[in-house]
Protein backbone atom coordinates (compact mmCIF):
# COMPACT_ATOMS: atom_id res chain seq x y z
CA MET A 1 9.11 -74.99 114.70
CA GLU A 2 6.62 -72.35 115.95
CA ALA A 3 4.52 -72.95 112.86
CA GLN A 4 4.82 -76.63 113.42
CA PHE A 5 3.49 -76.32 116.87
CA LEU A 6 0.80 -74.19 116.23
CA SER A 7 -0.51 -76.54 113.33
CA GLY A 8 0.06 -79.55 115.39
CA GLY A 9 -2.76 -81.98 116.46
CA GLY A 10 -1.93 -81.36 120.09
CA LEU A 11 -4.05 -78.29 120.01
CA ASP A 12 -7.09 -80.00 119.03
CA VAL A 13 -8.02 -80.72 122.58
CA TYR A 14 -8.40 -76.86 123.03
CA ARG A 15 -10.51 -76.22 119.90
CA ALA A 16 -14.08 -75.25 120.46
CA ALA A 17 -16.72 -77.96 119.36
CA ASP A 18 -20.05 -77.26 117.84
CA THR A 19 -22.40 -79.48 119.98
CA GLY A 20 -25.47 -78.27 118.36
CA VAL A 21 -26.79 -77.34 121.92
CA ARG A 22 -27.86 -73.72 122.76
CA MET A 23 -25.56 -73.55 125.79
CA SER A 24 -22.64 -75.92 126.33
CA ASN A 25 -19.38 -76.01 128.31
CA HIS A 26 -15.98 -75.86 126.77
CA GLY A 27 -13.86 -77.17 129.76
CA THR A 28 -15.50 -76.40 133.23
CA ALA A 29 -15.08 -72.73 133.17
CA MET A 30 -16.38 -71.43 129.88
CA CYS A 31 -19.94 -71.34 128.40
CA ARG A 32 -20.40 -71.45 124.72
CA VAL A 33 -23.59 -70.01 123.48
CA ALA A 34 -24.93 -70.64 119.93
CA LEU A 35 -26.53 -67.56 118.68
CA THR A 36 -28.87 -67.28 115.44
CA THR A 37 -30.91 -64.11 114.33
CA GLY A 38 -33.89 -63.81 116.43
CA ALA A 39 -32.68 -66.10 119.37
CA ASP A 40 -30.86 -63.45 121.50
CA VAL A 41 -29.21 -64.03 124.82
CA TYR A 42 -28.79 -61.83 127.83
CA ALA A 43 -25.37 -62.10 129.36
CA LYS A 44 -23.41 -60.80 132.32
CA ALA A 45 -21.63 -57.56 131.52
CA GLY A 46 -18.05 -58.15 131.13
CA ALA A 47 -18.34 -61.96 130.86
CA MET A 48 -17.50 -62.15 127.09
CA VAL A 49 -14.05 -63.51 126.45
CA ALA A 50 -14.39 -64.29 122.74
CA TYR A 51 -17.06 -64.65 119.89
CA GLU A 52 -17.18 -65.97 116.26
CA GLY A 53 -19.40 -64.72 113.52
CA PHE A 54 -21.39 -61.55 113.31
CA LEU A 55 -22.37 -60.67 116.94
CA GLN A 56 -23.13 -57.39 118.58
CA TYR A 57 -24.36 -56.44 122.03
CA GLU A 58 -26.58 -53.53 123.38
CA PRO A 59 -28.14 -52.66 126.60
CA VAL A 60 -31.04 -54.76 127.57
CA PRO A 61 -34.70 -53.48 126.81
CA GLN A 62 -35.82 -50.62 129.12
CA SER A 63 -38.63 -53.04 130.71
CA LEU A 64 -35.96 -55.44 131.71
CA ARG A 65 -33.71 -52.73 133.04
CA ARG A 66 -36.67 -51.47 135.25
CA ALA A 67 -37.23 -55.15 136.49
CA LEU A 68 -33.48 -55.27 137.31
CA GLY A 69 -33.46 -52.01 139.22
CA GLU A 70 -33.11 -53.48 142.56
CA TRP A 71 -30.38 -55.70 141.46
CA ALA A 72 -28.36 -53.01 139.87
CA SER A 73 -28.74 -50.54 142.68
CA GLY A 74 -29.31 -47.65 140.32
CA GLU A 75 -26.40 -48.26 138.23
CA ARG A 76 -25.84 -49.74 134.78
CA SER A 77 -27.70 -52.95 134.02
CA PRO A 78 -25.68 -56.05 135.10
CA LEU A 79 -26.76 -57.81 131.94
CA LEU A 80 -26.27 -57.12 128.17
CA GLN A 81 -28.14 -58.35 125.06
CA TRP A 82 -26.29 -60.17 122.60
CA THR A 83 -27.70 -60.69 119.04
CA GLY A 84 -26.56 -61.96 115.58
CA ASP A 85 -25.21 -65.32 114.26
CA GLY A 86 -22.26 -67.00 115.72
CA ALA A 87 -20.85 -68.46 118.85
CA LEU A 88 -20.40 -66.47 122.13
CA TYR A 89 -17.94 -67.58 124.65
CA LEU A 90 -18.60 -66.57 128.49
CA ALA A 91 -16.62 -67.00 131.51
CA ASP A 92 -16.41 -65.34 134.87
CA MET A 93 -13.10 -65.19 136.70
CA GLY A 94 -12.36 -68.91 136.10
CA ALA A 95 -15.52 -70.01 138.01
CA ASP A 96 -17.04 -73.41 136.96
CA VAL A 97 -20.16 -73.10 134.71
CA LEU A 98 -23.34 -75.11 134.89
CA ASN A 99 -25.89 -74.78 132.07
CA LEU A 100 -29.48 -75.77 132.73
CA GLN A 101 -32.45 -76.13 130.58
CA LEU A 102 -35.71 -75.08 132.05
CA ALA A 103 -38.92 -76.51 130.81
CA GLU A 104 -41.83 -74.19 132.20
CA GLU A 105 -39.87 -73.93 135.48
CA SER A 106 -38.96 -71.28 137.64
CA LEU A 107 -35.32 -70.71 139.07
CA SER A 108 -34.19 -68.46 141.75
CA VAL A 109 -30.53 -67.50 141.30
CA ASN A 110 -28.00 -65.69 143.53
CA GLY A 111 -27.43 -62.65 141.24
CA SER A 112 -23.64 -62.84 141.34
CA HIS A 113 -23.82 -66.29 139.99
CA LEU A 114 -26.19 -65.53 136.91
CA LEU A 115 -24.00 -65.78 133.88
CA ALA A 116 -26.44 -65.90 130.78
CA MET A 117 -29.94 -66.60 129.93
CA ASP A 118 -32.24 -66.93 126.83
CA ALA A 119 -33.74 -63.60 126.01
CA THR A 120 -37.21 -65.49 125.84
CA LEU A 121 -37.11 -66.25 129.63
CA ALA A 122 -38.89 -63.81 131.94
CA CYS A 123 -36.51 -62.31 134.64
CA SER A 124 -37.36 -60.37 137.68
CA VAL A 125 -35.59 -59.46 140.90
CA GLU A 126 -37.52 -60.53 144.07
CA LYS A 127 -37.01 -59.74 147.65
CA VAL A 128 -35.90 -62.81 149.46
CA ARG A 129 -38.40 -63.75 152.22
CA GLY A 130 -39.05 -66.46 154.74
CA PRO A 131 -36.35 -68.97 155.90
CA VAL A 132 -34.00 -68.06 153.15
CA LEU A 133 -33.88 -64.48 154.37
CA LEU A 134 -33.40 -65.63 157.89
CA ALA A 135 -30.22 -67.80 156.73
CA GLY A 136 -28.54 -64.31 155.84
CA THR A 137 -28.00 -65.19 152.15
CA GLY A 138 -28.95 -61.72 150.86
CA LEU A 139 -32.06 -59.53 150.21
CA TYR A 140 -32.42 -59.91 146.59
CA ASN A 141 -32.37 -62.89 144.08
CA VAL A 142 -33.04 -63.05 140.49
CA THR A 143 -35.89 -65.11 139.33
CA VAL A 144 -35.90 -66.82 135.77
CA THR A 145 -39.05 -68.21 134.61
CA GLY A 146 -40.05 -70.19 131.36
CA SER A 147 -38.64 -72.63 128.98
CA GLY A 148 -35.12 -72.09 127.79
CA TRP A 149 -31.47 -72.05 128.89
CA VAL A 150 -29.83 -70.50 131.75
CA SER A 151 -26.07 -70.60 132.72
CA VAL A 152 -24.90 -70.11 136.40
CA THR A 153 -21.41 -70.09 137.90
CA SER A 154 -20.07 -71.97 140.93
CA ARG A 155 -16.89 -71.47 143.00
CA GLY A 156 -15.85 -75.27 142.14
CA VAL A 157 -17.71 -78.06 140.32
CA PRO A 158 -21.35 -77.79 141.73
CA VAL A 159 -23.74 -80.50 142.61
CA VAL A 160 -27.46 -80.57 141.60
CA LEU A 161 -29.47 -82.14 144.14
CA ASP A 162 -33.00 -83.40 143.67
CA CYS A 163 -35.37 -82.63 146.45
CA ALA A 164 -38.37 -84.82 145.42
CA ASP A 165 -37.64 -87.93 147.29
CA THR A 166 -36.07 -86.50 150.38
CA GLU A 167 -35.69 -83.42 152.01
CA THR A 168 -32.27 -81.81 151.28
CA PHE A 169 -30.29 -79.54 153.67
CA VAL A 170 -27.80 -77.04 152.37
CA ASP A 171 -25.34 -74.63 154.05
CA PRO A 172 -26.77 -71.21 153.01
CA ASP A 173 -23.33 -69.83 152.14
CA ALA A 174 -22.97 -72.83 149.58
CA LEU A 175 -26.42 -72.14 147.89
CA VAL A 176 -26.38 -71.06 144.28
CA ALA A 177 -29.87 -71.56 142.98
CA TRP A 178 -33.11 -73.56 143.56
CA THR A 179 -36.30 -74.23 142.01
CA THR A 180 -38.94 -71.93 143.19
CA GLY A 181 -42.03 -73.67 144.83
CA LEU A 182 -39.97 -75.72 147.01
CA GLU A 183 -40.96 -76.03 150.60
CA VAL A 184 -38.15 -74.23 152.47
CA ARG A 185 -37.46 -74.29 156.18
CA THR A 186 -34.45 -73.59 158.63
CA ARG A 187 -32.91 -76.11 160.82
CA ARG A 188 -30.45 -75.16 163.54
CA THR A 189 -27.66 -77.42 164.94
CA VAL A 190 -27.60 -77.04 168.70
CA LYS A 191 -24.60 -79.38 169.15
CA VAL A 192 -21.73 -77.34 170.59
CA GLY A 193 -19.12 -79.40 168.49
CA SER A 194 -20.68 -77.85 165.32
CA LEU A 195 -19.25 -74.42 166.39
CA ILE A 196 -15.68 -75.57 166.63
CA GLY A 197 -13.24 -75.03 163.68
CA ARG A 198 -14.55 -72.69 161.01
CA GLY A 199 -17.20 -71.01 163.30
CA SER A 200 -20.86 -71.16 163.26
CA GLY A 201 -21.15 -71.78 159.34
CA GLU A 202 -23.00 -75.05 159.95
CA ALA A 203 -25.15 -73.99 162.83
CA LEU A 204 -27.88 -73.15 160.47
CA GLN A 205 -29.10 -75.02 157.32
CA LEU A 206 -31.81 -74.58 154.79
CA GLY A 207 -34.03 -77.67 154.10
CA PHE A 208 -35.66 -78.00 150.62
CA ARG A 209 -38.40 -80.42 149.74
CA GLY A 210 -40.79 -80.81 146.79
CA HIS A 211 -40.69 -81.21 143.01
CA GLY A 212 -37.41 -79.52 141.99
CA PHE A 213 -33.67 -79.20 142.76
CA VAL A 214 -31.05 -77.09 144.29
CA VAL A 215 -27.66 -76.22 142.97
CA VAL A 216 -24.87 -76.08 145.62
CA GLN A 217 -21.19 -75.06 145.25
CA PRO A 218 -18.22 -76.59 146.92
CA SER A 219 -17.35 -73.29 148.70
CA GLU A 220 -18.56 -71.36 151.57
CA ASP A 221 -16.88 -68.13 150.44
CA THR A 222 -19.44 -65.28 150.72
CA ALA A 223 -17.16 -62.46 149.21
CA ASP A 224 -18.91 -62.55 145.76
CA ARG A 225 -22.39 -62.06 147.34
CA LEU A 226 -21.49 -58.64 148.32
CA LYS A 227 -20.86 -57.34 144.82
CA ILE A 228 -24.58 -57.50 143.83
CA ARG A 229 -26.71 -58.56 146.64
CA GLY A 230 -28.01 -56.61 149.60
């Protein structure tokens, strides 16, 4: 009976599919990375849940470790370099996964939400300035620049909002990532009614406008921000 169950067609829905895409979703909470020799990927330390083929990992290059110094707070690098030929499966505590393909773009990501990125992308840790800092979202963000794939996590299914046609306002606690170069401003809600219920979380919003997008999660839980961000 057990052998029949394991070989039954009912399991096909759980089998990983080779989509031919560099980074793809398996379900909502797992990222599948197609690796080939010479096309390495940097992934969050501890995020590997499985892999197929001949893969191995090692610390990221010294130059990248220096660039991530502020993020790592002097401890071990939060990223590992994966090499080889095969498929790498990544997840982070059941969080939803969103895979984005950048085309000569720059993305600013909350460090705790960065799951993986192509090794060909430039990566730096930058101090948050201006309205975003005033919103209290943290002191440092990871900026990923170039052409390639990047995978981010979200507490629930995220939404990607285009800021080109109209100004988009976001609760700072729900902000995951945004395209750098966007015009950013703060907006305060002065109505007393906005302070009733969950507190003053809606009293301050970030407004984004320009050619680009923002990634917003359906959660205002800020506990994960304390793990890495200042």
